[in-house]
Protein backbone atom coordinates (compact mmCIF):
# COMPACT_ATOMS: atom_id res chain seq x y z
CA MET A 1 53.82 5.32 -22.08
CA LYS A 2 54.07 3.31 -18.89
CA PHE A 3 53.15 6.39 -16.80
CA LYS A 4 50.15 7.09 -19.07
CA PHE A 5 48.96 3.51 -18.70
CA ILE A 6 49.18 3.74 -14.90
CA VAL A 7 47.24 7.03 -14.84
CA ILE A 8 44.52 5.72 -17.17
CA SER A 9 44.25 2.52 -15.15
CA PHE A 10 43.92 4.53 -11.93
CA LEU A 11 41.22 6.74 -13.42
CA PHE A 12 39.31 3.69 -14.67
CA VAL A 13 39.43 1.99 -11.25
CA PHE A 14 38.43 5.25 -9.52
CA ALA A 15 35.52 5.79 -11.90
CA PHE A 16 34.36 2.18 -11.50
CA SER A 17 34.65 2.42 -7.71
CA SER A 18 32.72 5.72 -7.65
CA CYS A 19 30.00 4.23 -9.83
CA LYS A 20 29.67 1.28 -7.46
CA GLN A 21 29.51 3.59 -4.42
CA GLN A 22 26.70 5.61 -6.02
CA ASN A 23 24.44 2.56 -6.31
CA LEU A 24 22.70 0.99 -3.33
CA THR A 25 20.17 -1.81 -3.27
CA LEU A 26 16.59 -1.06 -2.23
CA TYR A 27 14.45 -4.03 -1.19
CA VAL A 28 10.68 -3.79 -1.50
CA GLY A 29 8.18 -5.81 0.51
CA THR A 30 4.79 -6.27 -1.19
CA TYR A 31 1.38 -7.88 -1.08
CA THR A 32 1.17 -10.78 -3.52
CA ASN A 33 -2.58 -10.70 -4.13
CA GLY A 34 -2.11 -9.20 -7.62
CA ASP A 35 0.92 -9.01 -9.90
CA SER A 36 3.57 -9.23 -7.21
CA GLU A 37 5.51 -12.45 -6.61
CA GLY A 38 7.36 -11.50 -3.43
CA ILE A 39 10.30 -9.26 -2.45
CA TYR A 40 11.80 -7.08 -5.18
CA ARG A 41 15.08 -5.22 -5.47
CA PHE A 42 16.03 -1.98 -7.25
CA ASP A 43 19.32 -0.20 -7.85
CA PHE A 44 19.23 3.24 -6.23
CA ASN A 45 21.56 6.03 -7.38
CA THR A 46 22.59 8.12 -4.36
CA GLU A 47 23.49 11.10 -6.57
CA THR A 48 20.32 11.36 -8.66
CA GLY A 49 17.79 9.41 -6.58
CA LYS A 50 16.94 7.27 -9.61
CA LEU A 51 15.57 3.75 -9.17
CA SER A 52 16.36 1.20 -11.88
CA ASN A 53 16.90 -2.47 -12.67
CA LYS A 54 13.87 -3.92 -10.88
CA GLN A 55 14.29 -7.65 -10.17
CA LEU A 56 12.48 -10.26 -8.13
CA ALA A 57 14.77 -10.97 -5.17
CA VAL A 58 12.77 -13.95 -3.92
CA ALA A 59 9.29 -15.38 -4.38
CA VAL A 60 7.39 -15.45 -1.08
CA GLU A 61 3.77 -14.87 0.00
CA ASN A 62 2.75 -11.39 1.23
CA PRO A 63 6.09 -10.14 2.62
CA SER A 64 4.43 -6.98 3.94
CA PHE A 65 7.26 -5.95 6.28
CA ILE A 66 10.98 -6.66 5.98
CA THR A 67 14.08 -5.81 7.99
CA PHE A 68 17.83 -6.50 8.01
CA SER A 69 20.14 -8.07 10.54
CA PRO A 70 22.59 -5.41 11.84
CA ASN A 71 25.38 -6.72 9.57
CA LYS A 72 22.99 -6.74 6.57
CA LYS A 73 23.90 -10.33 5.71
CA ASN A 74 20.37 -11.55 6.42
CA LEU A 75 16.85 -10.28 5.81
CA TYR A 76 13.70 -11.16 7.75
CA ALA A 77 10.16 -10.95 6.38
CA VAL A 78 6.74 -11.46 7.88
CA GLY A 79 4.24 -13.35 5.76
CA GLU A 80 0.64 -12.18 6.01
CA GLY A 81 -0.60 -15.34 4.30
CA GLU A 82 -2.56 -18.31 5.59
CA ALA A 83 0.57 -19.67 7.28
CA SER A 84 1.21 -16.48 9.36
CA ALA A 85 4.97 -16.86 9.36
CA VAL A 86 8.29 -15.09 9.70
CA THR A 87 11.07 -16.12 7.30
CA ALA A 88 14.84 -15.67 7.30
CA PHE A 89 16.80 -15.10 4.09
CA LYS A 90 20.48 -14.76 3.24
CA LEU A 91 21.64 -11.97 0.94
CA LYS A 92 23.48 -13.32 -2.10
CA GLU A 93 26.20 -11.47 -4.03
CA ASP A 94 23.85 -10.70 -6.93
CA GLY A 95 21.32 -9.05 -4.57
CA THR A 96 18.82 -11.90 -4.63
CA LEU A 97 17.74 -13.67 -1.44
CA ALA A 98 18.26 -17.31 -0.44
CA PHE A 99 15.79 -19.02 1.88
CA ILE A 100 17.18 -20.06 5.29
CA ASN A 101 14.15 -21.09 7.34
CA THR A 102 10.67 -20.09 8.42
CA GLU A 103 8.83 -20.18 11.74
CA SER A 104 5.26 -19.59 12.85
CA SER A 105 4.49 -16.04 13.94
CA ASN A 106 2.20 -17.48 16.64
CA GLY A 107 -0.69 -15.21 15.73
CA LYS A 108 -2.75 -14.12 12.76
CA GLY A 109 -1.74 -11.24 10.54
CA PRO A 110 1.97 -10.69 11.28
CA CYS A 111 2.61 -7.11 10.17
CA HIS A 112 6.00 -6.07 11.58
CA VAL A 113 9.40 -7.57 12.42
CA ALA A 114 12.40 -6.00 14.15
CA VAL A 115 15.88 -7.20 15.15
CA ASN A 116 17.88 -5.99 18.15
CA GLU A 117 21.26 -4.22 17.93
CA SER A 118 23.19 -7.39 18.77
CA GLY A 119 21.43 -9.30 16.00
CA ASN A 120 20.57 -12.23 18.27
CA LYS A 121 16.86 -11.57 18.83
CA ALA A 122 13.88 -10.76 16.63
CA VAL A 123 10.34 -9.72 17.52
CA VAL A 124 7.21 -10.13 15.38
CA SER A 125 3.98 -8.18 15.91
CA ASN A 126 0.76 -10.00 15.04
CA TYR A 127 -2.01 -7.54 14.18
CA GLY A 128 -4.77 -10.13 13.81
CA GLY A 129 -3.80 -12.18 16.84
CA GLY A 130 -2.84 -9.35 19.18
CA THR A 131 0.36 -11.13 20.16
CA ILE A 132 4.09 -10.52 19.91
CA SER A 133 6.62 -13.33 19.49
CA ILE A 134 10.30 -13.16 20.42
CA TYR A 135 12.87 -15.35 18.64
CA SER A 136 16.53 -16.16 19.15
CA ILE A 137 18.65 -15.80 16.00
CA ASN A 138 21.46 -18.28 15.31
CA LYS A 139 24.89 -17.30 13.96
CA ASN A 140 23.92 -18.44 10.45
CA GLY A 141 20.90 -16.10 10.53
CA SER A 142 18.28 -18.80 11.06
CA LEU A 143 15.42 -18.31 13.49
CA GLU A 144 14.74 -20.55 16.45
CA LYS A 145 11.14 -21.27 17.43
CA ALA A 146 9.67 -18.41 19.45
CA SER A 147 11.04 -18.47 22.99
CA GLN A 148 8.42 -16.06 24.31
CA ILE A 149 4.89 -15.14 23.22
CA PHE A 150 3.01 -12.27 24.84
CA ASN A 151 -0.76 -12.04 24.37
CA HIS A 152 -2.25 -8.57 24.81
CA ASN A 153 -5.84 -9.79 24.64
CA GLU A 154 -7.99 -9.67 27.75
CA GLU A 155 -11.38 -11.31 28.20
CA GLY A 156 -14.24 -8.86 27.87
CA GLU A 157 -12.04 -6.18 26.26
CA LYS A 158 -11.80 -5.22 22.60
CA PRO A 159 -9.26 -7.25 20.59
CA ALA A 160 -5.59 -6.38 20.82
CA ARG A 161 -3.87 -5.33 17.59
CA ALA A 162 -0.11 -5.42 18.06
CA HIS A 163 1.11 -3.28 15.16
CA SER A 164 4.83 -2.69 15.66
CA SER A 165 7.65 -3.43 18.10
CA GLN A 166 11.16 -2.07 18.50
CA PHE A 167 14.16 -2.91 20.64
CA HIS A 168 16.25 -0.17 22.23
CA LYS A 169 19.20 -1.64 24.13
CA ASP A 170 17.56 -3.84 26.83
CA ASP A 171 14.10 -2.33 26.33
CA LEU A 172 11.33 -3.55 24.05
CA PHE A 173 8.43 -1.27 23.15
CA VAL A 174 5.19 -2.38 21.50
CA SER A 175 2.50 -0.23 19.92
CA ASP A 176 -0.96 -1.83 20.23
CA LEU A 177 -3.52 -0.16 18.00
CA GLY A 178 -6.45 -2.21 19.32
CA ARG A 179 -5.89 -1.64 23.01
CA ASN A 180 -4.61 1.95 22.56
CA ARG A 181 -1.58 1.08 24.65
CA PHE A 182 2.17 1.44 24.35
CA TYR A 183 3.72 -1.54 26.14
CA HIS A 184 7.19 -1.60 27.69
CA TYR A 185 9.17 -4.81 28.30
CA LYS A 186 12.57 -5.15 30.02
CA LEU A 187 15.24 -7.80 29.44
CA LEU A 188 15.99 -9.75 32.61
CA ASP A 189 18.07 -12.97 32.64
CA ASN A 190 17.79 -13.22 28.83
CA ASN A 191 13.98 -13.08 28.93
CA TYR A 192 11.65 -10.14 28.47
CA GLN A 193 9.27 -9.23 31.26
CA ILE A 194 6.43 -6.72 31.24
CA GLU A 195 7.46 -3.38 32.75
CA SER A 196 4.33 -1.41 31.88
CA GLU A 197 1.11 -2.08 29.94
CA SER A 198 1.30 1.53 28.75
CA ILE A 199 4.05 4.05 29.47
CA ILE A 200 1.51 6.90 29.11
CA ASN A 201 -2.25 7.17 29.41
CA ILE A 202 -3.50 7.23 25.80
CA LYS A 203 -6.90 8.90 25.75
CA GLY A 204 -9.71 8.15 23.29
CA ASN A 205 -9.13 5.85 20.31
CA PRO A 206 -6.21 7.33 18.32
CA GLY A 207 -4.86 3.89 17.32
CA PRO A 208 -1.08 3.98 17.98
CA ARG A 209 0.56 2.27 14.99
CA HIS A 210 4.29 2.82 14.32
CA PHE A 211 6.85 4.82 16.29
CA ALA A 212 10.32 6.35 16.11
CA ILE A 213 12.84 6.38 18.97
CA SER A 214 15.63 8.96 19.19
CA LYS A 215 19.15 7.52 19.18
CA ASP A 216 19.67 8.32 22.87
CA GLY A 217 16.35 6.70 23.77
CA ASN A 218 15.07 9.82 25.51
CA PHE A 219 12.23 10.56 23.07
CA ILE A 220 9.57 8.42 21.40
CA TYR A 221 7.18 9.56 18.66
CA ILE A 222 4.04 7.50 18.01
CA ILE A 223 1.98 7.99 14.87
CA ASN A 224 -1.73 7.35 15.46
CA GLU A 225 -3.58 5.62 12.61
CA TYR A 226 -7.12 6.72 13.49
CA GLY A 227 -6.30 10.03 15.15
CA GLY A 228 -4.25 11.58 12.33
CA SER A 229 -1.75 12.65 14.95
CA ILE A 230 1.64 12.16 16.57
CA THR A 231 2.10 11.65 20.31
CA SER A 232 5.50 12.82 21.59
CA ILE A 233 6.93 11.19 24.72
CA LYS A 234 9.94 12.02 26.88
CA LYS A 235 11.85 9.70 29.20
CA THR A 236 12.17 11.05 32.75
CA ASP A 237 13.83 9.95 35.98
CA PHE A 238 10.50 8.42 37.00
CA GLY A 239 9.36 6.84 33.73
CA PHE A 240 7.83 8.58 30.72
CA GLU A 241 5.62 11.61 30.10
CA GLN A 242 3.75 13.00 27.11
CA ILE A 243 5.19 16.33 25.99
CA ASP A 244 3.39 17.03 22.72
CA PHE A 245 0.41 16.06 20.55
CA ASP A 246 0.27 17.25 16.94
CA SER A 247 -1.99 16.75 13.93
CA THR A 248 -0.45 15.21 10.81
CA LEU A 249 -3.11 16.76 8.55
CA ASP A 250 -3.38 20.06 6.74
CA GLU A 251 -5.93 22.37 8.40
CA ASN A 252 -8.05 22.44 5.23
CA TYR A 253 -8.26 18.66 4.79
CA THR A 254 -11.65 17.21 5.77
CA GLY A 255 -11.63 13.70 4.26
CA ASN A 256 -10.94 10.31 5.80
CA ASN A 257 -7.39 9.46 6.76
CA LYS A 258 -5.32 6.66 8.26
CA CYS A 259 -1.74 7.37 9.28
CA ALA A 260 0.87 4.69 8.65
CA ASP A 261 4.61 5.19 9.11
CA ILE A 262 6.99 7.56 10.94
CA HIS A 263 10.75 8.27 10.78
CA LEU A 264 13.28 10.73 12.15
CA SER A 265 15.79 12.33 9.80
CA LYS A 266 19.41 11.17 10.04
CA ASP A 267 20.36 14.22 12.16
CA GLU A 268 17.06 13.96 14.12
CA ARG A 269 16.20 17.61 13.41
CA PHE A 270 13.11 16.62 11.43
CA LEU A 271 10.29 14.09 11.74
CA TYR A 272 8.20 12.61 8.93
CA GLY A 273 4.85 10.79 8.94
CA SER A 274 2.65 9.29 6.20
CA ASN A 275 -1.05 10.04 5.70
CA ARG A 276 -3.19 7.51 3.81
CA GLY A 277 -6.25 9.39 2.58
CA GLU A 278 -4.78 12.86 2.47
CA ASN A 279 -1.99 11.00 0.63
CA THR A 280 0.79 13.15 1.97
CA ILE A 281 3.99 13.08 3.95
CA ALA A 282 3.76 15.41 6.94
CA VAL A 283 7.05 17.15 7.77
CA PHE A 284 7.87 18.43 11.26
CA ASN A 285 10.65 20.55 12.70
CA ARG A 286 12.03 18.95 15.85
CA ASN A 287 13.66 20.71 18.77
CA THR A 288 16.56 18.37 19.56
CA LYS A 289 16.74 19.61 23.18
CA THR A 290 13.09 19.60 24.25
CA GLY A 291 11.88 16.98 21.76
CA GLU A 292 8.87 19.10 20.77
CA ILE A 293 7.80 19.16 17.11
CA GLU A 294 6.05 21.62 14.77
CA ARG A 295 4.47 20.72 11.44
CA ILE A 296 5.90 22.74 8.54
CA GLN A 297 4.78 20.91 5.38
CA ASN A 298 2.27 18.44 3.95
CA THR A 299 3.43 17.31 0.52
CA SER A 300 1.65 15.02 -1.93
CA VAL A 301 3.07 11.51 -2.27
CA HIS A 302 2.22 11.53 -6.00
CA GLY A 303 0.32 8.31 -5.52
CA ASP A 304 -2.40 6.63 -3.50
CA TRP A 305 -2.21 5.09 -0.01
CA PRO A 306 1.36 5.70 1.23
CA ARG A 307 2.20 2.83 3.55
CA ASN A 308 5.81 2.56 4.63
CA PHE A 309 8.50 5.05 3.61
CA THR A 310 12.23 5.26 4.21
CA ILE A 311 15.16 7.68 4.18
CA ASP A 312 18.19 6.53 2.19
CA PRO A 313 21.54 6.01 3.98
CA THR A 314 22.92 9.33 2.71
CA GLY A 315 20.02 11.22 4.28
CA LYS A 316 19.43 13.10 1.03
CA PHE A 317 16.32 11.27 -0.21
CA LEU A 318 12.99 10.04 1.12
CA LEU A 319 11.19 7.23 -0.72
CA VAL A 320 7.49 6.39 -0.34
CA ALA A 321 5.70 3.08 -1.06
CA ASN A 322 2.26 3.92 -2.51
CA LYS A 323 0.28 0.69 -2.25
CA LYS A 324 -2.88 1.39 -4.26
CA SER A 325 -1.25 3.35 -7.10
CA GLN A 326 1.58 0.78 -7.19
CA ASN A 327 4.47 3.21 -7.38
CA ILE A 328 7.48 4.33 -5.35
CA ALA A 329 7.89 8.10 -5.17
CA VAL A 330 11.30 9.69 -4.58
CA PHE A 331 11.80 13.06 -2.86
CA SER A 332 14.88 15.13 -2.14
CA ILE A 333 15.31 16.38 1.43
CA ASP A 334 16.39 19.97 2.00
CA LYS A 335 19.16 19.59 4.58
CA THR A 336 18.46 23.05 6.02
CA SER A 337 14.65 23.10 6.26
CA GLY A 338 13.87 19.39 6.14
CA LYS A 339 11.20 20.01 3.49
CA LEU A 340 10.60 17.59 0.63
CA THR A 341 10.66 18.13 -3.13
CA PHE A 342 9.24 15.48 -5.47
CA LEU A 343 11.73 14.20 -8.05
CA HIS A 344 10.25 11.19 -9.85
CA ASP A 345 8.60 7.82 -9.33
CA VAL A 346 8.79 4.25 -10.58
CA LYS A 347 6.19 1.50 -10.89
CA ALA A 348 6.26 -1.39 -8.40
CA PRO A 349 3.63 -4.08 -7.71
CA GLU A 350 1.73 -3.30 -4.47
CA PRO A 351 4.74 -1.89 -2.56
CA VAL A 352 4.24 -1.65 1.21
CA CYS A 353 7.73 -1.71 2.77
CA LEU A 354 11.04 -0.18 1.66
CA LEU A 355 14.43 -1.21 3.03
CA PHE A 356 18.00 -0.03 2.38
């Protein structure tokens, strides 16, 4: 009897542990103009791809982009409200978020926030103001006032529209949709200094928006909002060079379109980009040696106006935030071909950013 009890107890603990491992928390940034109240959370099943148990994680105005600290103990959100702010939150055990502090974004329309690998600096991109602000992060996760503010506007030129920024080791890259530039900053003596106003010559008005950097930092892929395209860039001994330029749209599509987000697969063999208008995810094969890409699929997002999307930590699923249709669509990823298959969707109020 004692042996039976031990076996049953072990099986119960194993089953409970497995159940817990199958569920991850997905956080959803939204616009709060309608039914949304702030940042929401869902339980995500890593075996089935099902989303369930929607809850309000914290009430906050227009948290249109969110990101984690590297240790995932804190979450940072921009606020595209009248205050134009960036706010720090602490993750609680029940998955809700506790307010830590908020700071000015130092520019109108903050639309993106990123944290460096060390977790001690954050950068906010201000679309309306054309500025980026750099913050020191304290050990408790709180934000200091911005230590540096870079203004991309120039007198007599069209307005800057800083749309996204990312750290890679001691480098900081910024995509400016208004100026059609891709800025490069270097960290020197704990401050960032401009290295280049654009690492490549971007021709025309494609509108560089978001970008993905390979893990080794040797390749950068920029998705162009107006151009319906992806610009591929390679790092060289002398700087950077463009190696590829590819359409995100199906050859038969003739309507209006605005690209939004871009991500590499976990193994970096595939690249994905979102099309708002065509309402698709474009799938690309990627040559991991040369960095060149080839489009192989455009699949419907089963919704309207796909903004941000994400790949879950297992690499088996891709989830899309459809703003206008107010739903999150879940796709399985074929590990061999990289192609997507629609599984199901769930309603969410004006979702625009997804974060695991």
